């Protein structure tokens, strides 16, 4: 099975304790944890700071599943949850894969920290999960809410801890079975 994971720094595996965008080691990133547990091919297309793109890249036709988790950076840049959801809908609509091969994951809510200065941002991230669910229903793609998986966020309020990556992988594995 070939799975592409498209997202931001939490997909990339950014280690917030590092400098210059370094990553957690391979055994600590959710994408690599899933590859090790399943034996499937996982392609990590995570990128630090990625906002929802205005156009979708062309994903290979032999992709069995495309996992998309985006939106946190849009919210951190001041976009309202509804605006981010509209961008997400346009992005997903431009993907030329069967809808059953797309899994949209609502990012877990952020928490107070270095990157999250206000309760307003936390509230927006919670509302965004509901918006993502609506987009998934409207487009007929699969959906998961990572906010329900007990993910530990780092001291900065945005990035997964190593335990958070393991919790994310465990939650996602239940869906992929």
C-alpha atoms as a PDB file:
ATOM      1  CA  UNK A   1       0.000   0.000   0.000  1.00  0.00           C
ATOM      2  CA  UNK A   2       1.320   3.454  -0.937  1.00  0.00           C
ATOM      3  CA  UNK A   3       0.261   6.315   1.342  1.00  0.00           C
ATOM      4  CA  UNK A   4       1.190   9.976   0.878  1.00  0.00           C
ATOM      5  CA  UNK A   5       1.078  12.225   3.933  1.00  0.00           C
ATOM      6  CA  UNK A   6       0.669  15.903   3.012  1.00  0.00           C
ATOM      7  CA  UNK A   7       0.833  18.440   5.794  1.00  0.00           C
ATOM      8  CA  UNK A   8       2.764  20.943   7.840  1.00  0.00           C
ATOM      9  CA  UNK A   9       5.477  20.676  10.497  1.00  0.00           C
ATOM     10  CA  UNK A  10       3.639  18.021  12.508  1.00  0.00           C
ATOM     11  CA  UNK A  11       3.643  15.774   9.440  1.00  0.00           C
ATOM     12  CA  UNK A  12       7.251  16.685   8.702  1.00  0.00           C
ATOM     13  CA  UNK A  13       8.179  15.697  12.262  1.00  0.00           C
ATOM     14  CA  UNK A  14       9.560  19.062  13.405  1.00  0.00           C
ATOM     15  CA  UNK A  15      11.309  18.897  16.759  1.00  0.00           C
ATOM     16  CA  UNK A  16      10.517  22.167  18.582  1.00  0.00           C
ATOM     17  CA  UNK A  17      13.593  21.711  20.787  1.00  0.00           C
ATOM     18  CA  UNK A  18      15.831  22.077  17.724  1.00  0.00           C
ATOM     19  CA  UNK A  19      17.189  24.921  15.700  1.00  0.00           C
ATOM     20  CA  UNK A  20      16.771  25.403  11.968  1.00  0.00           C
ATOM     21  CA  UNK A  21      13.851  23.043  11.429  1.00  0.00           C
ATOM     22  CA  UNK A  22      15.416  19.800  12.589  1.00  0.00           C
ATOM     23  CA  UNK A  23      13.236  16.729  12.941  1.00  0.00           C
ATOM     24  CA  UNK A  24      12.598  14.112  15.556  1.00  0.00           C
ATOM     25  CA  UNK A  25      14.434  10.892  14.795  1.00  0.00           C
ATOM     26  CA  UNK A  26      12.842   8.411  12.432  1.00  0.00           C
ATOM     27  CA  UNK A  27      11.457   6.218  15.204  1.00  0.00           C
ATOM     28  CA  UNK A  28       9.591   9.152  16.765  1.00  0.00           C
ATOM     29  CA  UNK A  29       7.684  10.651  13.799  1.00  0.00           C
ATOM     30  CA  UNK A  30       4.101   9.500  13.229  1.00  0.00           C
ATOM     31  CA  UNK A  31       4.620   8.843   9.507  1.00  0.00           C
ATOM     32  CA  UNK A  32       7.621   6.593  10.177  1.00  0.00           C
ATOM     33  CA  UNK A  33       5.933   4.893  13.138  1.00  0.00           C
ATOM     34  CA  UNK A  34       3.039   3.891  10.876  1.00  0.00           C
ATOM     35  CA  UNK A  35       5.403   2.647   8.165  1.00  0.00           C
ATOM     36  CA  UNK A  36       7.200   0.472  10.704  1.00  0.00           C
ATOM     37  CA  UNK A  37       3.972  -0.915  12.190  1.00  0.00           C
ATOM     38  CA  UNK A  38       2.252  -1.663   8.873  1.00  0.00           C
ATOM     39  CA  UNK A  39       5.072  -2.412   6.425  1.00  0.00           C
ATOM     40  CA  UNK A  40       3.361  -0.086   3.934  1.00  0.00           C
ATOM     41  CA  UNK A  41       5.110   2.628   1.936  1.00  0.00           C
ATOM     42  CA  UNK A  42       4.566   6.054   3.476  1.00  0.00           C
ATOM     43  CA  UNK A  43       5.771   9.154   1.648  1.00  0.00           C
ATOM     44  CA  UNK A  44       6.205  12.147   3.934  1.00  0.00           C
ATOM     45  CA  UNK A  45       5.328  15.390   2.160  1.00  0.00           C
ATOM     46  CA  UNK A  46       5.245  17.442   5.352  1.00  0.00           C
ATOM     47  CA  UNK A  47       6.744  20.910   5.249  1.00  0.00           C
ATOM     48  CA  UNK A  48       7.441  23.313   8.098  1.00  0.00           C
ATOM     49  CA  UNK A  49       5.209  26.391   7.997  1.00  0.00           C
ATOM     50  CA  UNK A  50       2.994  25.071   5.198  1.00  0.00           C
ATOM     51  CA  UNK A  51      -0.339  26.837   4.852  1.00  0.00           C
ATOM     52  CA  UNK A  52      -3.127  25.404   2.734  1.00  0.00           C
ATOM     53  CA  UNK A  53      -1.884  25.800  -0.856  1.00  0.00           C
ATOM     54  CA  UNK A  54      -4.019  27.594  -3.418  1.00  0.00           C
ATOM     55  CA  UNK A  55      -3.533  24.696  -5.851  1.00  0.00           C
ATOM     56  CA  UNK A  56      -2.974  21.012  -5.281  1.00  0.00           C
ATOM     57  CA  UNK A  57       0.148  19.267  -6.515  1.00  0.00           C
ATOM     58  CA  UNK A  58      -0.379  16.340  -8.812  1.00  0.00           C
ATOM     59  CA  UNK A  59      -0.245  13.204  -6.712  1.00  0.00           C
ATOM     60  CA  UNK A  60       0.722   9.913  -8.406  1.00  0.00           C
ATOM     61  CA  UNK A  61      -2.217   7.928  -9.786  1.00  0.00           C
ATOM     62  CA  UNK A  62      -0.999   4.809  -7.957  1.00  0.00           C
ATOM     63  CA  UNK A  63      -1.550   6.469  -4.572  1.00  0.00           C
ATOM     64  CA  UNK A  64      -3.668   4.175  -2.405  1.00  0.00           C
ATOM     65  CA  UNK A  65      -4.369   6.852   0.204  1.00  0.00           C
ATOM     66  CA  UNK A  66      -3.638  10.555   0.529  1.00  0.00           C
ATOM     67  CA  UNK A  67      -3.664  11.843   4.100  1.00  0.00           C
ATOM     68  CA  UNK A  68      -4.071  15.622   4.347  1.00  0.00           C
ATOM     69  CA  UNK A  69      -3.641  17.513   7.621  1.00  0.00           C
ATOM     70  CA  UNK A  70      -3.394  21.274   7.141  1.00  0.00           C
ATOM     71  CA  UNK A  71      -4.808  24.488   8.553  1.00  0.00           C
ATOM     72  CA  UNK A  72      -2.926  25.217  11.767  1.00  0.00           C
ATOM     73  CA  UNK A  73      -0.548  27.677  10.104  1.00  0.00           C
ATOM     74  CA  UNK A  74      -3.452  29.424   8.403  1.00  0.00           C
ATOM     75  CA  UNK A  75      -5.074  29.963  11.800  1.00  0.00           C
ATOM     76  CA  UNK A  76      -1.777  31.133  13.318  1.00  0.00           C
ATOM     77  CA  UNK A  77      -1.527  33.674  10.478  1.00  0.00           C
ATOM     78  CA  UNK A  78      -4.893  35.130  11.513  1.00  0.00           C
ATOM     79  CA  UNK A  79      -7.308  33.414   9.144  1.00  0.00           C
ATOM     80  CA  UNK A  80     -10.697  32.648  10.621  1.00  0.00           C
ATOM     81  CA  UNK A  81     -11.590  28.924  10.761  1.00  0.00           C
ATOM     82  CA  UNK A  82     -14.247  29.399   8.085  1.00  0.00           C
ATOM     83  CA  UNK A  83     -11.734  31.076   5.752  1.00  0.00           C
ATOM     84  CA  UNK A  84      -9.221  28.285   6.272  1.00  0.00           C
ATOM     85  CA  UNK A  85     -11.949  25.725   5.581  1.00  0.00           C
ATOM     86  CA  UNK A  86     -12.815  27.479   2.305  1.00  0.00           C
ATOM     87  CA  UNK A  87      -9.146  27.330   1.274  1.00  0.00           C
ATOM     88  CA  UNK A  88      -9.094  23.655   2.246  1.00  0.00           C
ATOM     89  CA  UNK A  89     -12.187  22.922   0.188  1.00  0.00           C
ATOM     90  CA  UNK A  90     -10.649  24.575  -2.904  1.00  0.00           C
ATOM     91  CA  UNK A  91      -7.400  22.673  -2.350  1.00  0.00           C
ATOM     92  CA  UNK A  92      -9.073  19.286  -1.939  1.00  0.00           C
ATOM     93  CA  UNK A  93     -11.348  19.924  -4.928  1.00  0.00           C
ATOM     94  CA  UNK A  94      -8.236  20.245  -7.091  1.00  0.00           C
ATOM     95  CA  UNK A  95      -6.910  16.786  -6.216  1.00  0.00           C
ATOM     96  CA  UNK A  96      -7.384  14.284  -9.014  1.00  0.00           C
ATOM     97  CA  UNK A  97      -7.724  11.110  -6.965  1.00  0.00           C
ATOM     98  CA  UNK A  98     -10.844   9.125  -6.174  1.00  0.00           C
ATOM     99  CA  UNK A  99     -12.533  10.727  -3.159  1.00  0.00           C
ATOM    100  CA  UNK A 100     -12.369   7.406  -1.280  1.00  0.00           C
ATOM    101  CA  UNK A 101      -8.557   7.671  -1.457  1.00  0.00           C
ATOM    102  CA  UNK A 102      -8.443  10.984   0.435  1.00  0.00           C
ATOM    103  CA  UNK A 103      -8.402  11.185   4.227  1.00  0.00           C
ATOM    104  CA  UNK A 104      -8.772  14.673   5.675  1.00  0.00           C
ATOM    105  CA  UNK A 105      -7.559  14.955   9.247  1.00  0.00           C
ATOM    106  CA  UNK A 106      -8.541  17.940  11.360  1.00  0.00           C
ATOM    107  CA  UNK A 107      -5.401  18.978  13.248  1.00  0.00           C
ATOM    108  CA  UNK A 108      -5.554  18.719  17.025  1.00  0.00           C
ATOM    109  CA  UNK A 109      -6.391  21.985  18.779  1.00  0.00           C
ATOM    110  CA  UNK A 110      -3.461  24.140  19.714  1.00  0.00           C
ATOM    111  CA  UNK A 111      -2.721  25.055  23.330  1.00  0.00           C
ATOM    112  CA  UNK A 112      -1.255  28.085  25.049  1.00  0.00           C
ATOM    113  CA  UNK A 113       2.457  28.363  24.389  1.00  0.00           C
ATOM    114  CA  UNK A 114       5.213  30.185  22.574  1.00  0.00           C
ATOM    115  CA  UNK A 115       3.379  30.064  19.217  1.00  0.00           C
ATOM    116  CA  UNK A 116      -0.125  30.459  20.678  1.00  0.00           C
ATOM    117  CA  UNK A 117      -0.537  33.739  22.554  1.00  0.00           C
ATOM    118  CA  UNK A 118      -4.303  33.810  23.056  1.00  0.00           C
ATOM    119  CA  UNK A 119      -7.401  31.838  23.936  1.00  0.00           C
ATOM    120  CA  UNK A 120      -8.905  33.151  20.692  1.00  0.00           C
ATOM    121  CA  UNK A 121      -6.417  31.063  18.685  1.00  0.00           C
ATOM    122  CA  UNK A 122      -7.228  27.969  20.772  1.00  0.00           C
ATOM    123  CA  UNK A 123     -10.957  28.494  20.225  1.00  0.00           C
ATOM    124  CA  UNK A 124     -10.377  28.961  16.483  1.00  0.00           C
ATOM    125  CA  UNK A 125      -8.471  25.673  16.291  1.00  0.00           C
ATOM    126  CA  UNK A 126     -11.357  23.851  17.982  1.00  0.00           C
ATOM    127  CA  UNK A 127     -13.893  25.379  15.593  1.00  0.00           C
ATOM    128  CA  UNK A 128     -11.665  24.508  12.639  1.00  0.00           C
ATOM    129  CA  UNK A 129     -12.112  20.784  13.368  1.00  0.00           C
ATOM    130  CA  UNK A 130     -15.876  21.198  12.921  1.00  0.00           C
ATOM    131  CA  UNK A 131     -15.276  23.106   9.684  1.00  0.00           C
ATOM    132  CA  UNK A 132     -13.021  20.310   8.422  1.00  0.00           C
ATOM    133  CA  UNK A 133     -15.727  17.750   9.134  1.00  0.00           C
ATOM    134  CA  UNK A 134     -18.184  19.808   7.058  1.00  0.00           C
ATOM    135  CA  UNK A 135     -15.711  20.061   4.173  1.00  0.00           C
ATOM    136  CA  UNK A 136     -15.150  16.290   4.246  1.00  0.00           C
ATOM    137  CA  UNK A 137     -18.884  15.585   4.179  1.00  0.00           C
ATOM    138  CA  UNK A 138     -19.463  18.095   1.376  1.00  0.00           C
ATOM    139  CA  UNK A 139     -16.667  16.637  -0.787  1.00  0.00           C
ATOM    140  CA  UNK A 140     -17.273  12.988   0.102  1.00  0.00           C
ATOM    141  CA  UNK A 141     -13.775  12.334   1.467  1.00  0.00           C
ATOM    142  CA  UNK A 142     -12.857  10.362   4.553  1.00  0.00           C
ATOM    143  CA  UNK A 143     -12.452  12.293   7.819  1.00  0.00           C
ATOM    144  CA  UNK A 144     -10.752  11.984  11.190  1.00  0.00           C
ATOM    145  CA  UNK A 145     -10.446  14.436  14.074  1.00  0.00           C
ATOM    146  CA  UNK A 146      -6.974  14.235  15.624  1.00  0.00           C
ATOM    147  CA  UNK A 147      -8.253  16.268  18.571  1.00  0.00           C
ATOM    148  CA  UNK A 148      -9.828  13.072  19.896  1.00  0.00           C
ATOM    149  CA  UNK A 149      -6.554  11.128  20.066  1.00  0.00           C
ATOM    150  CA  UNK A 150      -5.020  12.616  23.233  1.00  0.00           C
ATOM    151  CA  UNK A 151      -2.045  14.169  21.498  1.00  0.00           C
ATOM    152  CA  UNK A 152       0.624  15.869  23.607  1.00  0.00           C
ATOM    153  CA  UNK A 153       1.664  19.246  22.273  1.00  0.00           C
ATOM    154  CA  UNK A 154       5.116  20.653  22.934  1.00  0.00           C
ATOM    155  CA  UNK A 155       5.866  23.617  25.128  1.00  0.00           C
ATOM    156  CA  UNK A 156       5.167  25.887  22.171  1.00  0.00           C
ATOM    157  CA  UNK A 157       1.474  24.905  21.945  1.00  0.00           C
ATOM    158  CA  UNK A 158       1.591  23.773  18.307  1.00  0.00           C
ATOM    159  CA  UNK A 159       4.047  20.933  17.723  1.00  0.00           C
ATOM    160  CA  UNK A 160       3.670  17.318  18.768  1.00  0.00           C
ATOM    161  CA  UNK A 161       5.920  15.904  21.430  1.00  0.00           C
ATOM    162  CA  UNK A 162       7.393  12.473  20.759  1.00  0.00           C
ATOM    163  CA  UNK A 163       4.516  11.054  22.828  1.00  0.00           C
ATOM    164  CA  UNK A 164       2.150  13.114  20.660  1.00  0.00           C
ATOM    165  CA  UNK A 165       3.534  11.502  17.516  1.00  0.00           C
ATOM    166  CA  UNK A 166       2.972   8.056  19.041  1.00  0.00           C
ATOM    167  CA  UNK A 167      -0.605   8.965  20.065  1.00  0.00           C
ATOM    168  CA  UNK A 168      -1.294  10.323  16.585  1.00  0.00           C
ATOM    169  CA  UNK A 169       0.053   7.140  14.960  1.00  0.00           C
ATOM    170  CA  UNK A 170      -2.056   4.983  17.291  1.00  0.00           C
ATOM    171  CA  UNK A 171      -5.219   6.942  16.501  1.00  0.00           C
ATOM    172  CA  UNK A 172      -4.578   6.843  12.782  1.00  0.00           C
ATOM    173  CA  UNK A 173      -3.755   3.144  12.824  1.00  0.00           C
ATOM    174  CA  UNK A 174      -7.259   2.440  14.129  1.00  0.00           C
ATOM    175  CA  UNK A 175      -8.676   4.177  11.056  1.00  0.00           C
ATOM    176  CA  UNK A 176      -6.318   2.492   8.592  1.00  0.00           C
ATOM    177  CA  UNK A 177      -7.042  -1.058   9.730  1.00  0.00           C
END
